[in-house]
N, C-alpha and C. Protein backbone atom coordinates (compact mmCIF):
# COMPACT_ATOMS: atom_id res chain seq x y z
N UNK A 1 -0.46 13.38 12.47
CA UNK A 1 0.21 12.19 12.98
C UNK A 1 -0.76 11.02 13.01
N UNK A 2 -0.19 9.83 12.99
CA UNK A 2 -0.99 8.61 13.04
C UNK A 2 -1.23 8.25 14.50
N UNK A 3 -2.47 8.04 14.85
CA UNK A 3 -2.80 7.69 16.22
C UNK A 3 -2.47 6.23 16.50
N UNK A 4 -1.98 5.92 17.72
CA UNK A 4 -1.64 4.53 18.05
C UNK A 4 -2.79 3.55 17.82
N UNK A 5 -4.02 3.94 18.14
CA UNK A 5 -5.17 3.05 17.93
C UNK A 5 -5.34 2.71 16.46
N UNK A 6 -5.12 3.68 15.60
CA UNK A 6 -5.26 3.44 14.17
C UNK A 6 -4.15 2.53 13.68
N UNK A 7 -2.93 2.73 14.16
CA UNK A 7 -1.82 1.85 13.79
C UNK A 7 -2.15 0.42 14.18
N UNK A 8 -2.64 0.24 15.38
CA UNK A 8 -3.00 -1.09 15.86
C UNK A 8 -4.09 -1.71 14.98
N UNK A 9 -5.08 -0.91 14.60
CA UNK A 9 -6.17 -1.40 13.75
C UNK A 9 -5.64 -1.84 12.39
N UNK A 10 -4.76 -1.04 11.80
CA UNK A 10 -4.18 -1.39 10.50
C UNK A 10 -3.36 -2.66 10.61
N UNK A 11 -2.54 -2.76 11.64
CA UNK A 11 -1.71 -3.96 11.82
C UNK A 11 -2.56 -5.21 12.03
N UNK A 12 -3.63 -5.09 12.81
CA UNK A 12 -4.52 -6.23 13.01
C UNK A 12 -5.16 -6.66 11.71
N UNK A 13 -5.58 -5.71 10.92
CA UNK A 13 -6.20 -6.02 9.62
C UNK A 13 -5.20 -6.74 8.72
N UNK A 14 -3.97 -6.27 8.70
CA UNK A 14 -2.93 -6.88 7.87
C UNK A 14 -2.65 -8.30 8.34
N UNK A 15 -2.57 -8.50 9.64
CA UNK A 15 -2.14 -9.78 10.19
C UNK A 15 -3.25 -10.82 10.27
N UNK A 16 -4.49 -10.44 9.99
CA UNK A 16 -5.60 -11.38 10.13
C UNK A 16 -5.65 -12.43 9.02
N UNK A 17 -4.91 -12.22 7.97
CA UNK A 17 -5.00 -13.11 6.83
C UNK A 17 -4.07 -14.30 6.95
N UNK A 18 -4.63 -15.49 6.78
CA UNK A 18 -3.81 -16.70 6.70
C UNK A 18 -3.14 -16.78 5.34
N UNK A 19 -3.81 -16.26 4.34
CA UNK A 19 -3.26 -16.23 2.99
C UNK A 19 -2.33 -15.04 2.89
N UNK A 20 -1.03 -15.28 3.01
CA UNK A 20 -0.04 -14.20 3.03
C UNK A 20 0.15 -13.57 1.66
N UNK A 21 -0.48 -14.15 0.63
CA UNK A 21 -0.33 -13.57 -0.71
C UNK A 21 -1.28 -12.40 -0.93
N UNK A 22 -2.25 -12.21 -0.03
CA UNK A 22 -3.24 -11.14 -0.17
C UNK A 22 -3.19 -10.20 1.03
N UNK A 23 -3.14 -8.90 0.75
CA UNK A 23 -3.29 -7.90 1.79
C UNK A 23 -4.47 -7.03 1.38
N UNK A 24 -5.63 -7.29 1.98
CA UNK A 24 -6.87 -6.60 1.65
C UNK A 24 -7.12 -5.50 2.67
N UNK A 25 -6.85 -4.27 2.28
CA UNK A 25 -7.02 -3.11 3.16
C UNK A 25 -8.05 -2.14 2.60
N UNK A 26 -9.05 -2.68 1.91
CA UNK A 26 -10.11 -1.84 1.37
C UNK A 26 -10.95 -1.26 2.51
N UNK A 27 -11.40 -0.02 2.32
CA UNK A 27 -12.34 0.65 3.23
C UNK A 27 -11.83 0.73 4.68
N UNK A 28 -10.56 1.03 4.83
CA UNK A 28 -9.97 1.15 6.17
C UNK A 28 -9.66 2.60 6.55
N UNK A 29 -10.08 3.55 5.73
CA UNK A 29 -9.81 4.97 5.95
C UNK A 29 -8.32 5.26 6.06
N UNK A 30 -7.53 4.52 5.29
CA UNK A 30 -6.08 4.71 5.30
C UNK A 30 -5.72 6.04 4.66
N UNK A 31 -4.71 6.68 5.22
CA UNK A 31 -4.23 7.96 4.72
C UNK A 31 -2.80 7.80 4.21
N UNK A 32 -2.25 8.89 3.74
CA UNK A 32 -0.87 8.87 3.25
C UNK A 32 0.09 8.40 4.34
N UNK A 33 -0.12 8.84 5.56
CA UNK A 33 0.74 8.44 6.68
C UNK A 33 0.71 6.92 6.89
N UNK A 34 -0.45 6.32 6.70
CA UNK A 34 -0.59 4.88 6.90
C UNK A 34 0.19 4.06 5.88
N UNK A 35 0.53 4.66 4.77
CA UNK A 35 1.27 3.93 3.73
C UNK A 35 2.64 3.48 4.23
N UNK A 36 3.20 4.18 5.19
CA UNK A 36 4.48 3.77 5.78
C UNK A 36 4.33 2.41 6.47
N UNK A 37 3.22 2.22 7.17
CA UNK A 37 2.95 0.95 7.85
C UNK A 37 2.71 -0.15 6.81
N UNK A 38 1.95 0.16 5.80
CA UNK A 38 1.68 -0.81 4.73
C UNK A 38 2.98 -1.25 4.07
N UNK A 39 3.83 -0.29 3.74
CA UNK A 39 5.11 -0.59 3.09
C UNK A 39 5.97 -1.48 3.98
N UNK A 40 6.04 -1.16 5.26
CA UNK A 40 6.84 -1.97 6.19
C UNK A 40 6.35 -3.42 6.19
N UNK A 41 5.04 -3.60 6.18
CA UNK A 41 4.49 -4.95 6.21
C UNK A 41 4.66 -5.69 4.89
N UNK A 42 4.63 -4.98 3.79
CA UNK A 42 4.89 -5.62 2.50
C UNK A 42 6.35 -6.08 2.44
N UNK A 43 7.24 -5.28 2.99
CA UNK A 43 8.65 -5.64 2.98
C UNK A 43 8.92 -6.84 3.88
N UNK A 44 8.16 -6.97 4.95
CA UNK A 44 8.29 -8.13 5.84
C UNK A 44 7.65 -9.36 5.20
N UNK A 45 6.44 -9.18 4.66
CA UNK A 45 5.71 -10.28 4.03
C UNK A 45 6.11 -10.36 2.56
N UNK A 46 7.16 -11.06 2.30
CA UNK A 46 7.67 -11.16 0.93
C UNK A 46 6.80 -12.04 0.04
N UNK A 47 5.75 -12.64 0.59
CA UNK A 47 4.84 -13.48 -0.20
C UNK A 47 3.66 -12.68 -0.76
N UNK A 48 3.54 -11.42 -0.40
CA UNK A 48 2.38 -10.61 -0.81
C UNK A 48 2.38 -10.42 -2.33
N UNK A 49 1.35 -10.95 -2.96
CA UNK A 49 1.19 -10.84 -4.42
C UNK A 49 0.08 -9.85 -4.79
N UNK A 50 -0.88 -9.65 -3.87
CA UNK A 50 -2.03 -8.79 -4.16
C UNK A 50 -2.23 -7.79 -3.02
N UNK A 51 -2.28 -6.53 -3.38
CA UNK A 51 -2.50 -5.46 -2.40
C UNK A 51 -3.70 -4.65 -2.84
N UNK A 52 -4.74 -4.67 -2.03
CA UNK A 52 -5.98 -3.98 -2.35
C UNK A 52 -6.15 -2.81 -1.40
N UNK A 53 -6.14 -1.60 -1.93
CA UNK A 53 -6.23 -0.37 -1.15
C UNK A 53 -7.40 0.50 -1.58
N UNK A 54 -8.42 -0.10 -2.15
CA UNK A 54 -9.58 0.64 -2.65
C UNK A 54 -10.33 1.34 -1.51
N UNK A 55 -11.00 2.44 -1.87
CA UNK A 55 -11.90 3.17 -0.96
C UNK A 55 -11.20 3.61 0.33
N UNK A 56 -10.07 4.25 0.18
CA UNK A 56 -9.37 4.83 1.32
C UNK A 56 -9.19 6.32 1.08
N UNK A 57 -8.29 6.94 1.80
CA UNK A 57 -8.05 8.38 1.69
C UNK A 57 -6.61 8.65 1.26
N UNK A 58 -6.14 7.83 0.35
CA UNK A 58 -4.76 7.91 -0.12
C UNK A 58 -4.69 8.93 -1.25
N UNK A 59 -3.66 9.78 -1.21
CA UNK A 59 -3.44 10.75 -2.27
C UNK A 59 -2.16 10.37 -3.03
N UNK A 60 -1.75 11.22 -3.91
CA UNK A 60 -0.52 10.98 -4.67
C UNK A 60 0.70 10.93 -3.75
N UNK A 61 0.64 11.59 -2.61
CA UNK A 61 1.74 11.54 -1.64
C UNK A 61 1.87 10.13 -1.08
N UNK A 62 0.77 9.54 -0.67
CA UNK A 62 0.79 8.17 -0.16
C UNK A 62 1.21 7.18 -1.23
N UNK A 63 0.80 7.45 -2.45
CA UNK A 63 1.18 6.59 -3.56
C UNK A 63 2.69 6.64 -3.79
N UNK A 64 3.27 7.80 -3.61
CA UNK A 64 4.72 7.95 -3.74
C UNK A 64 5.45 7.15 -2.66
N UNK A 65 4.94 7.20 -1.44
CA UNK A 65 5.52 6.41 -0.34
C UNK A 65 5.44 4.93 -0.68
N UNK A 66 4.30 4.50 -1.18
CA UNK A 66 4.12 3.10 -1.57
C UNK A 66 5.07 2.70 -2.69
N UNK A 67 5.16 3.53 -3.71
CA UNK A 67 6.04 3.22 -4.85
C UNK A 67 7.49 3.10 -4.41
N UNK A 68 7.94 4.02 -3.57
CA UNK A 68 9.32 3.95 -3.08
C UNK A 68 9.56 2.68 -2.29
N UNK A 69 8.59 2.29 -1.47
CA UNK A 69 8.73 1.06 -0.69
C UNK A 69 8.74 -0.18 -1.56
N UNK A 70 7.91 -0.20 -2.58
CA UNK A 70 7.89 -1.34 -3.49
C UNK A 70 9.19 -1.44 -4.27
N UNK A 71 9.73 -0.31 -4.65
CA UNK A 71 10.98 -0.31 -5.41
C UNK A 71 12.14 -0.82 -4.58
N UNK A 72 12.09 -0.58 -3.29
CA UNK A 72 13.20 -0.97 -2.43
C UNK A 72 13.28 -2.46 -2.16
N UNK A 73 12.13 -3.15 -2.14
CA UNK A 73 12.22 -4.54 -1.70
C UNK A 73 10.96 -5.33 -2.02
N UNK A 74 10.53 -5.38 -3.25
CA UNK A 74 9.38 -6.23 -3.54
C UNK A 74 9.43 -6.69 -4.99
N UNK A 75 9.56 -7.99 -5.14
CA UNK A 75 9.53 -8.58 -6.47
C UNK A 75 8.32 -9.48 -6.66
N UNK A 76 7.49 -9.62 -5.64
CA UNK A 76 6.38 -10.57 -5.73
C UNK A 76 5.03 -9.91 -6.01
N UNK A 77 4.87 -8.63 -5.74
CA UNK A 77 3.58 -7.98 -5.93
C UNK A 77 3.19 -7.99 -7.40
N UNK A 78 2.00 -8.56 -7.67
CA UNK A 78 1.51 -8.67 -9.04
C UNK A 78 0.27 -7.82 -9.28
N UNK A 79 -0.52 -7.59 -8.23
CA UNK A 79 -1.76 -6.83 -8.38
C UNK A 79 -1.81 -5.72 -7.33
N UNK A 80 -2.13 -4.53 -7.78
CA UNK A 80 -2.29 -3.38 -6.89
C UNK A 80 -3.59 -2.69 -7.28
N UNK A 81 -4.51 -2.61 -6.34
CA UNK A 81 -5.81 -1.99 -6.62
C UNK A 81 -5.95 -0.73 -5.77
N UNK A 82 -6.22 0.40 -6.43
CA UNK A 82 -6.24 1.71 -5.77
C UNK A 82 -7.51 2.51 -6.07
N UNK A 83 -8.55 1.87 -6.55
CA UNK A 83 -9.73 2.64 -6.97
C UNK A 83 -10.37 3.39 -5.81
N UNK A 84 -11.01 4.49 -6.15
CA UNK A 84 -11.74 5.33 -5.20
C UNK A 84 -10.87 5.88 -4.08
N UNK A 85 -9.71 6.39 -4.47
CA UNK A 85 -8.85 7.17 -3.59
C UNK A 85 -8.71 8.54 -4.23
N UNK A 86 -8.01 9.44 -3.58
CA UNK A 86 -7.85 10.81 -4.09
C UNK A 86 -6.51 10.96 -4.81
N UNK A 87 -6.23 10.02 -5.70
CA UNK A 87 -4.95 10.00 -6.42
C UNK A 87 -5.14 10.66 -7.78
N UNK A 88 -4.26 11.59 -8.09
CA UNK A 88 -4.35 12.29 -9.37
C UNK A 88 -3.76 11.43 -10.49
N UNK A 89 -4.05 11.82 -11.71
CA UNK A 89 -3.46 11.14 -12.86
C UNK A 89 -1.94 11.24 -12.81
N UNK A 90 -1.43 12.39 -12.36
CA UNK A 90 0.02 12.55 -12.24
C UNK A 90 0.60 11.56 -11.23
N UNK A 91 -0.13 11.31 -10.15
CA UNK A 91 0.32 10.35 -9.15
C UNK A 91 0.42 8.95 -9.73
N UNK A 92 -0.57 8.54 -10.50
CA UNK A 92 -0.55 7.23 -11.14
C UNK A 92 0.59 7.16 -12.15
N UNK A 93 0.76 8.22 -12.92
CA UNK A 93 1.84 8.26 -13.91
C UNK A 93 3.20 8.10 -13.22
N UNK A 94 3.38 8.77 -12.08
CA UNK A 94 4.63 8.67 -11.34
C UNK A 94 4.86 7.25 -10.82
N UNK A 95 3.79 6.60 -10.36
CA UNK A 95 3.90 5.22 -9.88
C UNK A 95 4.35 4.31 -11.01
N UNK A 96 3.69 4.41 -12.14
CA UNK A 96 4.02 3.56 -13.29
C UNK A 96 5.47 3.79 -13.72
N UNK A 97 5.85 5.04 -13.81
CA UNK A 97 7.22 5.38 -14.21
C UNK A 97 8.24 4.83 -13.21
N UNK A 98 7.95 4.98 -11.94
CA UNK A 98 8.85 4.52 -10.89
C UNK A 98 8.99 3.00 -10.92
N UNK A 99 7.88 2.30 -11.04
CA UNK A 99 7.93 0.83 -11.07
C UNK A 99 8.60 0.32 -12.34
N UNK A 100 8.36 0.98 -13.45
CA UNK A 100 8.99 0.56 -14.71
C UNK A 100 10.50 0.75 -14.66
N UNK A 101 10.94 1.77 -13.97
CA UNK A 101 12.37 2.06 -13.86
C UNK A 101 13.08 1.04 -12.98
N UNK A 102 12.39 0.54 -11.97
CA UNK A 102 13.04 -0.33 -10.99
C UNK A 102 12.74 -1.81 -11.17
N UNK A 103 11.93 -2.16 -12.13
CA UNK A 103 11.60 -3.59 -12.31
C UNK A 103 11.97 -4.07 -13.67
């Protein structure tokens, strides 16, 4: 489960940016569970063009949560950075396929 303190930390990090086009969540120790919070905020912040999730603990499961959220309500995201996570090639392939199908 996601601890309340961690949820608060993630939300504070997301909300600290005046530039609503960027959501920089690099090195936040985000997990698959945290992707639900990220997706909710991307859906609220319809101006988000760049999402940086490098150096976290996201796996293909979290990537699937993210892809589903992006497919449901995001036409503005142009850049997604996921380097140095535990995402398999199959996870990336699924993301690409999912986004190509819905965009």
